[in-house]
């Protein structure tokens, strides 16, 4: 990952995504940490809501987040114009 970043092959739209990838890369294989980092990744951006919901749902099923924390991550990821 770091080599690709140094060469300019990886570009990040947000610091949050960059940090999530760093955590994932250096977490030492801690499965729960990886799933939490992946849950923080999906963002709607310019995607249709249905596409975002599908992507978020897939990651959410694999995480251990439940109820309120899951709702908060969902809200964080949707387009701010919707809030």
Protein backbone atom coordinates (compact mmCIF):
# COMPACT_ATOMS: atom_id res chain seq x y z
CA UNK A 1 0.00 0.00 0.00
CA UNK A 2 2.69 2.51 0.95
CA UNK A 3 4.62 1.92 -2.26
CA UNK A 4 1.51 2.56 -4.34
CA UNK A 5 0.77 5.70 -2.35
CA UNK A 6 4.32 7.00 -2.83
CA UNK A 7 4.11 6.35 -6.56
CA UNK A 8 0.83 8.24 -6.78
CA UNK A 9 -1.26 5.17 -7.63
CA UNK A 10 -3.51 5.57 -4.59
CA UNK A 11 -5.55 8.68 -4.11
CA UNK A 12 -7.89 9.37 -1.24
CA UNK A 13 -10.89 11.66 -1.25
CA UNK A 14 -10.89 11.98 2.53
CA UNK A 15 -8.46 11.66 5.40
CA UNK A 16 -10.92 9.22 7.01
CA UNK A 17 -10.54 6.77 4.12
CA UNK A 18 -6.76 7.12 4.19
CA UNK A 19 -6.65 6.43 7.94
CA UNK A 20 -9.01 3.47 7.59
CA UNK A 21 -6.65 1.93 5.02
CA UNK A 22 -3.64 2.60 7.24
CA UNK A 23 -5.39 0.90 10.17
CA UNK A 24 -6.33 -2.02 7.96
CA UNK A 25 -2.81 -2.34 6.56
CA UNK A 26 -1.09 -2.27 9.94
CA UNK A 27 -3.68 -3.91 12.15
CA UNK A 28 -1.82 -7.21 12.10
CA UNK A 29 -4.82 -9.15 10.88
CA UNK A 30 -7.14 -8.33 13.77
CA UNK A 31 -10.38 -9.27 12.01
CA UNK A 32 -12.62 -7.09 14.17
CA UNK A 33 -10.45 -4.00 13.60
CA UNK A 34 -10.50 -4.62 9.87
CA UNK A 35 -14.30 -4.89 9.80
CA UNK A 36 -14.68 -1.69 11.83
CA UNK A 37 -12.32 0.15 9.45
CA UNK A 38 -14.27 -1.15 6.45
CA UNK A 39 -17.55 -0.01 8.01
CA UNK A 40 -16.20 3.54 8.20
CA UNK A 41 -15.27 3.51 4.50
CA UNK A 42 -18.49 3.59 2.49
CA UNK A 43 -19.61 7.07 1.59
CA UNK A 44 -22.46 7.93 -0.70
CA UNK A 45 -20.76 10.80 -2.46
CA UNK A 46 -22.43 11.05 -5.86
CA UNK A 47 -23.76 7.50 -5.86
CA UNK A 48 -27.46 6.80 -5.84
CA UNK A 49 -28.77 6.01 -2.35
CA UNK A 50 -29.63 2.43 -3.36
CA UNK A 51 -26.02 1.75 -4.38
CA UNK A 52 -24.72 3.20 -1.11
CA UNK A 53 -27.22 1.16 0.95
CA UNK A 54 -26.18 -2.06 -0.79
CA UNK A 55 -22.48 -1.41 -0.20
CA UNK A 56 -23.02 -0.33 3.42
CA UNK A 57 -25.28 -3.31 4.14
CA UNK A 58 -22.68 -5.77 2.91
CA UNK A 59 -19.99 -4.30 5.13
CA UNK A 60 -22.40 -3.93 8.09
CA UNK A 61 -23.31 -7.63 8.01
CA UNK A 62 -19.63 -8.51 8.42
CA UNK A 63 -19.05 -6.05 11.26
CA UNK A 64 -20.04 -6.46 14.88
CA UNK A 65 -21.76 -3.09 14.98
CA UNK A 66 -25.35 -3.18 16.17
CA UNK A 67 -28.16 -0.69 16.59
CA UNK A 68 -27.12 2.90 17.44
CA UNK A 69 -23.42 2.71 16.41
CA UNK A 70 -24.46 1.16 13.10
CA UNK A 71 -27.02 3.92 12.51
CA UNK A 72 -24.38 6.56 13.29
CA UNK A 73 -21.95 5.07 10.76
CA UNK A 74 -24.72 4.96 8.16
CA UNK A 75 -25.60 8.61 8.77
CA UNK A 76 -21.92 9.56 8.57
CA UNK A 77 -21.64 7.95 5.16
CA UNK A 78 -24.67 9.45 3.44
CA UNK A 79 -24.53 12.63 1.43
CA UNK A 80 -24.62 15.62 3.79
CA UNK A 81 -27.40 17.21 1.75
CA UNK A 82 -29.72 14.42 2.95
CA UNK A 83 -29.12 14.85 6.71
